[in-house]
Amino acid sequence: MARDPGSEVQHKLREILDRAGAELSPRGSEPTQSDGPSQFNSTIQRASGATVAEIDGLIGELQSLRDFLLKEGQRLQRELTEYTRLNQGARESTRIVAETLMKMKTERDRDRRLQ
């Protein structure tokens, strides 16, 4: 005897849920013919509920990671700006010291020649 399409869908759904460890009904009993579409809706909601919860959890984790990466990017930008400022200050100080030393050496050499 051939199965009707609804029965085939129900059979496939049972196989999927059995593999996933889900129950078809809250009491663990087999659905009856009178359960109809509401039983399928209930079953699908229970089966997809865990998946939806996992996806929601992953979305939350990804949003947290995104926030972390944005904050880290901003922190790195601030540190890079500060490093650039300090580096320019160090270069300018080094230039001033080098010029002062050259000026002192030049004056010393001039004084030696005059003596």
PDB file of N, CA and C in Angstrom:
ATOM      1  N   MET A   1       0.841  -1.181   0.000  1.00  0.00           N
ATOM      2  CA  MET A   1       0.000   0.000   0.000  1.00  0.00           C
ATOM      3  C   MET A   1       0.891   1.251   0.000  1.00  0.00           C
ATOM      4  N   ALA A   2       0.626   2.203  -0.887  1.00  0.00           N
ATOM      5  CA  ALA A   2       1.440   3.406  -1.048  1.00  0.00           C
ATOM      6  C   ALA A   2       1.116   4.412   0.045  1.00  0.00           C
ATOM      7  N   ARG A   3       2.129   5.124   0.517  1.00  0.00           N
ATOM      8  CA  ARG A   3       1.941   6.167   1.535  1.00  0.00           C
ATOM      9  C   ARG A   3       1.510   7.451   0.856  1.00  0.00           C
ATOM     10  N   ASP A   4       0.657   8.222   1.535  1.00  0.00           N
ATOM     11  CA  ASP A   4       0.286   9.532   0.988  1.00  0.00           C
ATOM     12  C   ASP A   4       1.409  10.527   1.296  1.00  0.00           C
ATOM     13  N   PRO A   5       1.492  11.646   0.574  1.00  0.00           N
ATOM     14  CA  PRO A   5       2.583  12.609   0.764  1.00  0.00           C
ATOM     15  C   PRO A   5       2.703  13.101   2.202  1.00  0.00           C
ATOM     16  N   GLY A   6       1.588  13.345   2.862  1.00  0.00           N
ATOM     17  CA  GLY A   6       1.626  13.805   4.263  1.00  0.00           C
ATOM     18  C   GLY A   6       2.262  12.777   5.159  1.00  0.00           C
ATOM     19  N   SER A   7       1.949  11.524   4.934  1.00  0.00           N
ATOM     20  CA  SER A   7       2.527  10.446   5.726  1.00  0.00           C
ATOM     21  C   SER A   7       4.022  10.330   5.473  1.00  0.00           C
ATOM     22  N   GLU A   8       4.432  10.509   4.217  1.00  0.00           N
ATOM     23  CA  GLU A   8       5.851  10.447   3.872  1.00  0.00           C
ATOM     24  C   GLU A   8       6.620  11.585   4.550  1.00  0.00           C
ATOM     25  N   VAL A   9       6.045  12.779   4.548  1.00  0.00           N
ATOM     26  CA  VAL A   9       6.667  13.923   5.210  1.00  0.00           C
ATOM     27  C   VAL A   9       6.789  13.653   6.701  1.00  0.00           C
ATOM     28  N   GLN A  10       5.719  13.130   7.281  1.00  0.00           N
ATOM     29  CA  GLN A  10       5.734  12.819   8.702  1.00  0.00           C
ATOM     30  C   GLN A  10       6.816  11.795   9.004  1.00  0.00           C
ATOM     31  N   HIS A  11       6.946  10.781   8.175  1.00  0.00           N
ATOM     32  CA  HIS A  11       7.956   9.740   8.370  1.00  0.00           C
ATOM     33  C   HIS A  11       9.365  10.342   8.308  1.00  0.00           C
ATOM     34  N   LYS A  12       9.614  11.173   7.314  1.00  0.00           N
ATOM     35  CA  LYS A  12      10.929  11.813   7.169  1.00  0.00           C
ATOM     36  C   LYS A  12      11.219  12.725   8.360  1.00  0.00           C
ATOM     37  N   LEU A  13      10.203  13.450   8.783  1.00  0.00           N
ATOM     38  CA  LEU A  13      10.362  14.345   9.922  1.00  0.00           C
ATOM     39  C   LEU A  13      10.704  13.554  11.173  1.00  0.00           C
ATOM     40  N   ARG A  14      10.052  12.434  11.385  1.00  0.00           N
ATOM     41  CA  ARG A  14      10.362  11.564  12.530  1.00  0.00           C
ATOM     42  C   ARG A  14      11.814  11.091  12.474  1.00  0.00           C
ATOM     43  N   GLU A  15      12.273  10.716  11.299  1.00  0.00           N
ATOM     44  CA  GLU A  15      13.654  10.248  11.161  1.00  0.00           C
ATOM     45  C   GLU A  15      14.640  11.358  11.533  1.00  0.00           C
ATOM     46  N   ILE A  16      14.370  12.547  11.032  1.00  0.00           N
ATOM     47  CA  ILE A  16      15.255  13.679  11.329  1.00  0.00           C
ATOM     48  C   ILE A  16      15.267  13.977  12.817  1.00  0.00           C
ATOM     49  N   LEU A  17      14.090  14.014  13.417  1.00  0.00           N
ATOM     50  CA  LEU A  17      13.991  14.321  14.844  1.00  0.00           C
ATOM     51  C   LEU A  17      14.601  13.222  15.699  1.00  0.00           C
ATOM     52  N   ASP A  18      14.425  11.980  15.304  1.00  0.00           N
ATOM     53  CA  ASP A  18      15.024  10.872  16.049  1.00  0.00           C
ATOM     54  C   ASP A  18      16.545  10.991  16.030  1.00  0.00           C
ATOM     55  N   ARG A  19      17.096  11.314  14.870  1.00  0.00           N
ATOM     56  CA  ARG A  19      18.549  11.478  14.779  1.00  0.00           C
ATOM     57  C   ARG A  19      19.015  12.657  15.617  1.00  0.00           C
ATOM     58  N   ALA A  20      18.220  13.681  15.711  1.00  0.00           N
ATOM     59  CA  ALA A  20      18.580  14.862  16.491  1.00  0.00           C
ATOM     60  C   ALA A  20      18.276  14.673  17.968  1.00  0.00           C
ATOM     61  N   GLY A  21      17.629  13.602  18.323  1.00  0.00           N
ATOM     62  CA  GLY A  21      17.311  13.337  19.724  1.00  0.00           C
ATOM     63  C   GLY A  21      16.103  14.093  20.220  1.00  0.00           C
ATOM     64  N   ALA A  22      15.306  14.649  19.331  1.00  0.00           N
ATOM     65  CA  ALA A  22      14.123  15.397  19.739  1.00  0.00           C
ATOM     66  C   ALA A  22      12.928  14.454  19.842  1.00  0.00           C
ATOM     67  N   GLU A  23      11.957  14.878  20.618  1.00  0.00           N
ATOM     68  CA  GLU A  23      10.727  14.101  20.735  1.00  0.00           C
ATOM     69  C   GLU A  23       9.659  14.715  19.849  1.00  0.00           C
ATOM     70  N   LEU A  24       8.761  13.892  19.350  1.00  0.00           N
ATOM     71  CA  LEU A  24       7.695  14.386  18.495  1.00  0.00           C
ATOM     72  C   LEU A  24       6.583  15.078  19.271  1.00  0.00           C
ATOM     73  N   SER A  25       6.393  14.717  20.518  1.00  0.00           N
ATOM     74  CA  SER A  25       5.344  15.367  21.292  1.00  0.00           C
ATOM     75  C   SER A  25       5.839  15.571  22.711  1.00  0.00           C
ATOM     76  N   PRO A  26       5.210  16.482  23.442  1.00  0.00           N
ATOM     77  CA  PRO A  26       5.651  16.748  24.804  1.00  0.00           C
ATOM     78  C   PRO A  26       5.572  15.514  25.700  1.00  0.00           C
ATOM     79  N   ARG A  27       4.619  14.630  25.443  1.00  0.00           N
ATOM     80  CA  ARG A  27       4.450  13.440  26.269  1.00  0.00           C
ATOM     81  C   ARG A  27       5.237  12.261  25.726  1.00  0.00           C
ATOM     82  N   GLY A  28       5.874  12.442  24.581  1.00  0.00           N
ATOM     83  CA  GLY A  28       6.635  11.360  23.992  1.00  0.00           C
ATOM     84  C   GLY A  28       5.771  10.349  23.262  1.00  0.00           C
ATOM     85  N   SER A  29       4.487  10.643  23.079  1.00  0.00           N
ATOM     86  CA  SER A  29       3.607   9.700  22.397  1.00  0.00           C
ATOM     87  C   SER A  29       3.610   9.966  20.907  1.00  0.00           C
ATOM     88  N   GLU A  30       3.221   9.006  20.134  1.00  0.00           N
ATOM     89  CA  GLU A  30       3.133   9.156  18.687  1.00  0.00           C
ATOM     90  C   GLU A  30       1.953  10.059  18.346  1.00  0.00           C
ATOM     91  N   PRO A  31       2.093  10.912  17.350  1.00  0.00           N
ATOM     92  CA  PRO A  31       0.971  11.761  16.955  1.00  0.00           C
ATOM     93  C   PRO A  31      -0.131  10.925  16.320  1.00  0.00           C
ATOM     94  N   THR A  32      -1.330  11.370  16.562  1.00  0.00           N
ATOM     95  CA  THR A  32      -2.471  10.677  15.966  1.00  0.00           C
ATOM     96  C   THR A  32      -2.891  11.419  14.726  1.00  0.00           C
ATOM     97  N   GLN A  33      -3.753  10.804  13.949  1.00  0.00           N
ATOM     98  CA  GLN A  33      -4.235  11.415  12.713  1.00  0.00           C
ATOM     99  C   GLN A  33      -4.930  12.745  13.002  1.00  0.00           C
ATOM    100  N   SER A  34      -5.577  12.849  14.186  1.00  0.00           N
ATOM    101  CA  SER A  34      -6.306  14.081  14.513  1.00  0.00           C
ATOM    102  C   SER A  34      -5.365  15.226  14.877  1.00  0.00           C
ATOM    103  N   ASP A  35      -4.076  14.914  15.136  1.00  0.00           N
ATOM    104  CA  ASP A  35      -3.120  15.967  15.475  1.00  0.00           C
ATOM    105  C   ASP A  35      -2.893  16.899  14.290  1.00  0.00           C
ATOM    106  N   GLY A  36      -2.802  16.393  13.106  1.00  0.00           N
ATOM    107  CA  GLY A  36      -2.719  17.148  11.863  1.00  0.00           C
ATOM    108  C   GLY A  36      -1.634  18.204  11.816  1.00  0.00           C
ATOM    109  N   PRO A  37      -1.933  19.311  11.136  1.00  0.00           N
ATOM    110  CA  PRO A  37      -0.938  20.365  10.919  1.00  0.00           C
ATOM    111  C   PRO A  37      -0.401  20.984  12.200  1.00  0.00           C
ATOM    112  N   SER A  38      -1.221  21.095  13.225  1.00  0.00           N
ATOM    113  CA  SER A  38      -0.729  21.706  14.462  1.00  0.00           C
ATOM    114  C   SER A  38       0.392  20.873  15.068  1.00  0.00           C
ATOM    115  N   GLN A  39       0.303  19.551  14.951  1.00  0.00           N
ATOM    116  CA  GLN A  39       1.382  18.689  15.460  1.00  0.00           C
ATOM    117  C   GLN A  39       2.669  18.924  14.660  1.00  0.00           C
ATOM    118  N   PHE A  40       2.520  19.051  13.346  1.00  0.00           N
ATOM    119  CA  PHE A  40       3.701  19.303  12.520  1.00  0.00           C
ATOM    120  C   PHE A  40       4.320  20.654  12.865  1.00  0.00           C
ATOM    121  N   ASN A  41       3.463  21.676  13.025  1.00  0.00           N
ATOM    122  CA  ASN A  41       3.978  22.999  13.387  1.00  0.00           C
ATOM    123  C   ASN A  41       4.710  22.948  14.714  1.00  0.00           C
ATOM    124  N   SER A  42       4.113  22.278  15.678  1.00  0.00           N
ATOM    125  CA  SER A  42       4.729  22.148  16.996  1.00  0.00           C
ATOM    126  C   SER A  42       6.059  21.418  16.898  1.00  0.00           C
ATOM    127  N   THR A  43       6.073  20.353  16.129  1.00  0.00           N
ATOM    128  CA  THR A  43       7.288  19.560  15.966  1.00  0.00           C
ATOM    129  C   THR A  43       8.385  20.372  15.293  1.00  0.00           C
ATOM    130  N   ILE A  44       8.017  21.087  14.256  1.00  0.00           N
ATOM    131  CA  ILE A  44       8.999  21.897  13.535  1.00  0.00           C
ATOM    132  C   ILE A  44       9.528  23.008  14.432  1.00  0.00           C
ATOM    133  N   GLN A  45       8.655  23.621  15.222  1.00  0.00           N
ATOM    134  CA  GLN A  45       9.093  24.680  16.127  1.00  0.00           C
ATOM    135  C   GLN A  45      10.069  24.134  17.164  1.00  0.00           C
ATOM    136  N   ARG A  46       9.773  22.954  17.711  1.00  0.00           N
ATOM    137  CA  ARG A  46      10.684  22.365  18.695  1.00  0.00           C
ATOM    138  C   ARG A  46      12.007  21.998  18.058  1.00  0.00           C
ATOM    139  N   ALA A  47      11.944  21.429  16.855  1.00  0.00           N
ATOM    140  CA  ALA A  47      13.170  21.010  16.180  1.00  0.00           C
ATOM    141  C   ALA A  47      14.010  22.218  15.779  1.00  0.00           C
ATOM    142  N   SER A  48      13.376  23.280  15.345  1.00  0.00           N
ATOM    143  CA  SER A  48      14.136  24.450  14.896  1.00  0.00           C
ATOM    144  C   SER A  48      14.488  25.378  16.054  1.00  0.00           C
ATOM    145  N   GLY A  49      13.830  25.228  17.180  1.00  0.00           N
ATOM    146  CA  GLY A  49      14.080  26.115  18.322  1.00  0.00           C
ATOM    147  C   GLY A  49      15.525  26.107  18.768  1.00  0.00           C
ATOM    148  N   ALA A  50      16.108  24.920  18.883  1.00  0.00           N
ATOM    149  CA  ALA A  50      17.505  24.829  19.314  1.00  0.00           C
ATOM    150  C   ALA A  50      18.417  25.456  18.274  1.00  0.00           C
ATOM    151  N   THR A  51      18.132  25.218  17.016  1.00  0.00           N
ATOM    152  CA  THR A  51      18.953  25.790  15.951  1.00  0.00           C
ATOM    153  C   THR A  51      18.861  27.303  15.953  1.00  0.00           C
ATOM    154  N   VAL A  52      17.671  27.825  16.095  1.00  0.00           N
ATOM    155  CA  VAL A  52      17.481  29.280  16.143  1.00  0.00           C
ATOM    156  C   VAL A  52      18.213  29.851  17.355  1.00  0.00           C
ATOM    157  N   ALA A  53      18.139  29.173  18.484  1.00  0.00           N
ATOM    158  CA  ALA A  53      18.842  29.639  19.684  1.00  0.00           C
ATOM    159  C   ALA A  53      20.357  29.633  19.458  1.00  0.00           C
ATOM    160  N   GLU A  54      20.870  28.610  18.797  1.00  0.00           N
ATOM    161  CA  GLU A  54      22.302  28.560  18.491  1.00  0.00           C
ATOM    162  C   GLU A  54      22.694  29.710  17.571  1.00  0.00           C
ATOM    163  N   ILE A  55      21.887  29.964  16.555  1.00  0.00           N
ATOM    164  CA  ILE A  55      22.169  31.062  15.625  1.00  0.00           C
ATOM    165  C   ILE A  55      22.130  32.389  16.373  1.00  0.00           C
ATOM    166  N   ASP A  56      21.137  32.574  17.243  1.00  0.00           N
ATOM    167  CA  ASP A  56      21.064  33.807  18.033  1.00  0.00           C
ATOM    168  C   ASP A  56      22.305  33.956  18.905  1.00  0.00           C
ATOM    169  N   GLY A  57      22.748  32.832  19.491  1.00  0.00           N
ATOM    170  CA  GLY A  57      23.967  32.869  20.306  1.00  0.00           C
ATOM    171  C   GLY A  57      25.181  33.258  19.487  1.00  0.00           C
ATOM    172  N   LEU A  58      25.288  32.694  18.296  1.00  0.00           N
ATOM    173  CA  LEU A  58      26.406  33.029  17.420  1.00  0.00           C
ATOM    174  C   LEU A  58      26.359  34.493  16.986  1.00  0.00           C
ATOM    175  N   ILE A  59      25.160  34.979  16.703  1.00  0.00           N
ATOM    176  CA  ILE A  59      25.012  36.387  16.332  1.00  0.00           C
ATOM    177  C   ILE A  59      25.479  37.269  17.488  1.00  0.00           C
ATOM    178  N   GLY A  60      25.085  36.911  18.701  1.00  0.00           N
ATOM    179  CA  GLY A  60      25.523  37.671  19.875  1.00  0.00           C
ATOM    180  C   GLY A  60      27.034  37.650  20.031  1.00  0.00           C
ATOM    181  N   GLU A  61      27.644  36.474  19.834  1.00  0.00           N
ATOM    182  CA  GLU A  61      29.100  36.369  19.927  1.00  0.00           C
ATOM    183  C   GLU A  61      29.783  37.199  18.847  1.00  0.00           C
ATOM    184  N   LEU A  62      29.245  37.156  17.639  1.00  0.00           N
ATOM    185  CA  LEU A  62      29.830  37.934  16.543  1.00  0.00           C
ATOM    186  C   LEU A  62      29.711  39.429  16.803  1.00  0.00           C
ATOM    187  N   GLN A  63      28.574  39.863  17.373  1.00  0.00           N
ATOM    188  CA  GLN A  63      28.419  41.280  17.701  1.00  0.00           C
ATOM    189  C   GLN A  63      29.415  41.691  18.780  1.00  0.00           C
ATOM    190  N   SER A  64      29.618  40.824  19.769  1.00  0.00           N
ATOM    191  CA  SER A  64      30.599  41.122  20.818  1.00  0.00           C
ATOM    192  C   SER A  64      32.002  41.202  20.225  1.00  0.00           C
ATOM    193  N   LEU A  65      32.313  40.280  19.340  1.00  0.00           N
ATOM    194  CA  LEU A  65      33.619  40.283  18.690  1.00  0.00           C
ATOM    195  C   LEU A  65      33.795  41.539  17.844  1.00  0.00           C
ATOM    196  N   ARG A  66      32.735  41.933  17.145  1.00  0.00           N
ATOM    197  CA  ARG A  66      32.778  43.157  16.331  1.00  0.00           C
ATOM    198  C   ARG A  66      33.051  44.368  17.210  1.00  0.00           C
ATOM    199  N   ASP A  67      32.354  44.468  18.343  1.00  0.00           N
ATOM    200  CA  ASP A  67      32.567  45.584  19.267  1.00  0.00           C
ATOM    201  C   ASP A  67      34.012  45.586  19.779  1.00  0.00           C
ATOM    202  N   PHE A  68      34.510  44.396  20.133  1.00  0.00           N
ATOM    203  CA  PHE A  68      35.881  44.275  20.621  1.00  0.00           C
ATOM    204  C   PHE A  68      36.868  44.750  19.554  1.00  0.00           C
ATOM    205  N   LEU A  69      36.669  44.291  18.318  1.00  0.00           N
ATOM    206  CA  LEU A  69      37.582  44.667  17.236  1.00  0.00           C
ATOM    207  C   LEU A  69      37.525  46.164  16.947  1.00  0.00           C
ATOM    208  N   LEU A  70      36.338  46.749  17.003  1.00  0.00           N
ATOM    209  CA  LEU A  70      36.226  48.195  16.812  1.00  0.00           C
ATOM    210  C   LEU A  70      36.973  48.957  17.903  1.00  0.00           C
ATOM    211  N   LYS A  71      36.789  48.533  19.164  1.00  0.00           N
ATOM    212  CA  LYS A  71      37.476  49.195  20.276  1.00  0.00           C
ATOM    213  C   LYS A  71      38.987  49.021  20.164  1.00  0.00           C
ATOM    214  N   GLU A  72      39.431  47.823  19.783  1.00  0.00           N
ATOM    215  CA  GLU A  72      40.864  47.585  19.626  1.00  0.00           C
ATOM    216  C   GLU A  72      41.422  48.434  18.485  1.00  0.00           C
ATOM    217  N   GLY A  73      40.677  48.555  17.407  1.00  0.00           N
ATOM    218  CA  GLY A  73      41.112  49.394  16.293  1.00  0.00           C
ATOM    219  C   GLY A  73      41.262  50.840  16.714  1.00  0.00           C
ATOM    220  N   GLN A  74      40.299  51.323  17.506  1.00  0.00           N
ATOM    221  CA  GLN A  74      40.366  52.701  18.000  1.00  0.00           C
ATOM    222  C   GLN A  74      41.553  52.878  18.950  1.00  0.00           C
ATOM    223  N   ARG A  75      41.772  51.878  19.817  1.00  0.00           N
ATOM    224  CA  ARG A  75      42.902  51.943  20.753  1.00  0.00           C
ATOM    225  C   ARG A  75      44.226  51.965  19.988  1.00  0.00           C
ATOM    226  N   LEU A  76      44.347  51.093  18.988  1.00  0.00           N
ATOM    227  CA  LEU A  76      45.573  51.058  18.195  1.00  0.00           C
ATOM    228  C   LEU A  76      45.794  52.370  17.454  1.00  0.00           C
ATOM    229  N   GLN A  77      44.722  52.960  16.958  1.00  0.00           N
ATOM    230  CA  GLN A  77      44.832  54.247  16.266  1.00  0.00           C
ATOM    231  C   GLN A  77      45.343  55.320  17.223  1.00  0.00           C
ATOM    232  N   ARG A  78      44.794  55.326  18.462  1.00  0.00           N
ATOM    233  CA  ARG A  78      45.271  56.301  19.456  1.00  0.00           C
ATOM    234  C   ARG A  78      46.744  56.080  19.770  1.00  0.00           C
ATOM    235  N   GLU A  79      47.135  54.805  19.945  1.00  0.00           N
ATOM    236  CA  GLU A  79      48.533  54.503  20.259  1.00  0.00           C
ATOM    237  C   GLU A  79      49.449  54.868  19.098  1.00  0.00           C
ATOM    238  N   LEU A  80      49.016  54.625  17.886  1.00  0.00           N
ATOM    239  CA  LEU A  80      49.816  54.979  16.714  1.00  0.00           C
ATOM    240  C   LEU A  80      49.977  56.492  16.610  1.00  0.00           C
ATOM    241  N   THR A  81      48.912  57.222  16.886  1.00  0.00           N
ATOM    242  CA  THR A  81      48.975  58.682  16.864  1.00  0.00           C
ATOM    243  C   THR A  81      49.955  59.181  17.917  1.00  0.00           C
ATOM    244  N   GLU A  82      49.895  58.602  19.118  1.00  0.00           N
ATOM    245  CA  GLU A  82      50.804  58.995  20.196  1.00  0.00           C
ATOM    246  C   GLU A  82      52.250  58.627  19.846  1.00  0.00           C
ATOM    247  N   TYR A  83      52.453  57.453  19.269  1.00  0.00           N
ATOM    248  CA  TYR A  83      53.796  57.033  18.862  1.00  0.00           C
ATOM    249  C   TYR A  83      54.353  57.996  17.818  1.00  0.00           C
ATOM    250  N   THR A  84      53.531  58.372  16.850  1.00  0.00           N
ATOM    251  CA  THR A  84      53.958  59.302  15.805  1.00  0.00           C
ATOM    252  C   THR A  84      54.348  60.643  16.414  1.00  0.00           C
ATOM    253  N   ARG A  85      53.549  61.116  17.358  1.00  0.00           N
ATOM    254  CA  ARG A  85      53.837  62.388  18.026  1.00  0.00           C
ATOM    255  C   ARG A  85      55.156  62.307  18.790  1.00  0.00           C
ATOM    256  N   LEU A  86      55.356  61.223  19.552  1.00  0.00           N
ATOM    257  CA  LEU A  86      56.595  61.053  20.308  1.00  0.00           C
ATOM    258  C   LEU A  86      57.800  60.913  19.372  1.00  0.00           C
ATOM    259  N   ASN A  87      57.615  60.174  18.281  1.00  0.00           N
ATOM    260  CA  ASN A  87      58.696  59.981  17.324  1.00  0.00           C
ATOM    261  C   ASN A  87      59.114  61.311  16.702  1.00  0.00           C
ATOM    262  N   GLN A  88      58.141  62.136  16.341  1.00  0.00           N
ATOM    263  CA  GLN A  88      58.464  63.449  15.763  1.00  0.00           C
ATOM    264  C   GLN A  88      59.180  64.332  16.785  1.00  0.00           C
ATOM    265  N   GLY A  89      58.741  64.239  18.041  1.00  0.00           N
ATOM    266  CA  GLY A  89      59.405  65.007  19.103  1.00  0.00           C
ATOM    267  C   GLY A  89      60.843  64.552  19.303  1.00  0.00           C
ATOM    268  N   ALA A  90      61.057  63.251  19.274  1.00  0.00           N
ATOM    269  CA  ALA A  90      62.411  62.713  19.435  1.00  0.00           C
ATOM    270  C   ALA A  90      63.301  63.130  18.263  1.00  0.00           C
ATOM    271  N   ARG A  91      62.768  63.095  17.054  1.00  0.00           N
ATOM    272  CA  ARG A  91      63.546  63.500  15.878  1.00  0.00           C
ATOM    273  C   ARG A  91      63.921  64.977  15.968  1.00  0.00           C
ATOM    274  N   GLU A  92      62.969  65.784  16.377  1.00  0.00           N
ATOM    275  CA  GLU A  92      63.231  67.227  16.492  1.00  0.00           C
ATOM    276  C   GLU A  92      64.276  67.489  17.572  1.00  0.00           C
ATOM    277  N   SER A  93      64.177  66.801  18.699  1.00  0.00           N
ATOM    278  CA  SER A  93      65.167  66.952  19.778  1.00  0.00           C
ATOM    279  C   SER A  93      66.546  66.529  19.309  1.00  0.00           C
ATOM    280  N   THR A  94      66.615  65.404  18.589  1.00  0.00           N
ATOM    281  CA  THR A  94      67.891  64.913  18.066  1.00  0.00           C
ATOM    282  C   THR A  94      68.489  65.915  17.091  1.00  0.00           C
ATOM    283  N   ARG A  95      67.668  66.507  16.238  1.00  0.00           N
ATOM    284  CA  ARG A  95      68.142  67.514  15.284  1.00  0.00           C
ATOM    285  C   ARG A  95      68.711  68.726  16.014  1.00  0.00           C
ATOM    286  N   ILE A  96      68.019  69.173  17.058  1.00  0.00           N
ATOM    287  CA  ILE A  96      68.478  70.338  17.825  1.00  0.00           C
ATOM    288  C   ILE A  96      69.808  70.037  18.510  1.00  0.00           C
ATOM    289  N   VAL A  97      69.902  68.839  19.122  1.00  0.00           N
ATOM    290  CA  VAL A  97      71.148  68.455  19.801  1.00  0.00           C
ATOM    291  C   VAL A  97      72.290  68.383  18.792  1.00  0.00           C
ATOM    292  N   ALA A  98      72.034  67.771  17.630  1.00  0.00           N
ATOM    293  CA  ALA A  98      73.079  67.639  16.606  1.00  0.00           C
ATOM    294  C   ALA A  98      73.525  69.014  16.114  1.00  0.00           C
ATOM    295  N   GLU A  99      72.573  69.915  15.872  1.00  0.00           N
ATOM    296  CA  GLU A  99      72.927  71.265  15.424  1.00  0.00           C
ATOM    297  C   GLU A  99      73.725  72.006  16.485  1.00  0.00           C
ATOM    298  N   THR A 100      73.315  71.854  17.742  1.00  0.00           N
ATOM    299  CA  THR A 100      74.031  72.526  18.838  1.00  0.00           C
ATOM    300  C   THR A 100      75.451  71.995  18.944  1.00  0.00           C
ATOM    301  N   LEU A 101      75.634  70.680  18.845  1.00  0.00           N
ATOM    302  CA  LEU A 101      76.968  70.100  18.924  1.00  0.00           C
ATOM    303  C   LEU A 101      77.838  70.566  17.752  1.00  0.00           C
ATOM    304  N   MET A 102      77.255  70.603  16.558  1.00  0.00           N
ATOM    305  CA  MET A 102      78.012  71.073  15.393  1.00  0.00           C
ATOM    306  C   MET A 102      78.409  72.533  15.570  1.00  0.00           C
ATOM    307  N   LYS A 103      77.517  73.336  16.113  1.00  0.00           N
ATOM    308  CA  LYS A 103      77.790  74.752  16.334  1.00  0.00           C
ATOM    309  C   LYS A 103      78.912  74.912  17.366  1.00  0.00           C
ATOM    310  N   MET A 104      78.844  74.093  18.429  1.00  0.00           N
ATOM    311  CA  MET A 104      79.879  74.145  19.466  1.00  0.00           C
ATOM    312  C   MET A 104      81.230  73.725  18.886  1.00  0.00           C
ATOM    313  N   LYS A 105      81.231  72.685  18.071  1.00  0.00           N
ATOM    314  CA  LYS A 105      82.477  72.203  17.469  1.00  0.00           C
ATOM    315  C   LYS A 105      83.058  73.261  16.535  1.00  0.00           C
ATOM    316  N   THR A 106      82.197  73.861  15.754  1.00  0.00           N
ATOM    317  CA  THR A 106      82.636  74.898  14.822  1.00  0.00           C
ATOM    318  C   THR A 106      83.232  76.070  15.588  1.00  0.00           C
ATOM    319  N   GLU A 107      82.578  76.502  16.655  1.00  0.00           N
ATOM    320  CA  GLU A 107      83.080  77.607  17.469  1.00  0.00           C
ATOM    321  C   GLU A 107      84.399  77.228  18.124  1.00  0.00           C
ATOM    322  N   ARG A 108      84.528  76.008  18.606  1.00  0.00           N
ATOM    323  CA  ARG A 108      85.750  75.541  19.241  1.00  0.00           C
ATOM    324  C   ARG A 108      86.895  75.523  18.226  1.00  0.00           C
ATOM    325  N   ASP A 109      86.594  75.013  17.028  1.00  0.00           N
ATOM    326  CA  ASP A 109      87.621  74.972  15.988  1.00  0.00           C
ATOM    327  C   ASP A 109      88.067  76.399  15.610  1.00  0.00           C
ATOM    328  N   ARG A 110      87.130  77.321  15.534  1.00  0.00           N
ATOM    329  CA  ARG A 110      87.418  78.707  15.194  1.00  0.00           C
ATOM    330  C   ARG A 110      88.264  79.337  16.284  1.00  0.00           C
ATOM    331  N   ASP A 111      87.891  79.036  17.538  1.00  0.00           N
ATOM    332  CA  ASP A 111      88.671  79.587  18.657  1.00  0.00           C
ATOM    333  C   ASP A 111      90.091  79.056  18.647  1.00  0.00           C
ATOM    334  N   ARG A 112      90.314  77.807  18.274  1.00  0.00           N
ATOM    335  CA  ARG A 112      91.635  77.215  18.223  1.00  0.00           C
ATOM    336  C   ARG A 112      92.478  77.866  17.124  1.00  0.00           C
ATOM    337  N   ARG A 113      91.850  78.169  16.035  1.00  0.00           N
ATOM    338  CA  ARG A 113      92.575  78.793  14.933  1.00  0.00           C
ATOM    339  C   ARG A 113      92.983  80.216  15.276  1.00  0.00           C
ATOM    340  N   LEU A 114      92.170  80.870  16.062  1.00  0.00           N
ATOM    341  CA  LEU A 114      92.458  82.249  16.439  1.00  0.00           C
ATOM    342  C   LEU A 114      93.561  82.331  17.497  1.00  0.00           C
ATOM    343  N   GLN A 115      93.766  81.288  18.192  1.00  0.00           N
ATOM    344  CA  GLN A 115      94.771  81.323  19.261  1.00  0.00           C
ATOM    345  C   GLN A 115      96.124  81.153  18.735  1.00  0.00           C
TER     346      GLN A 115
END
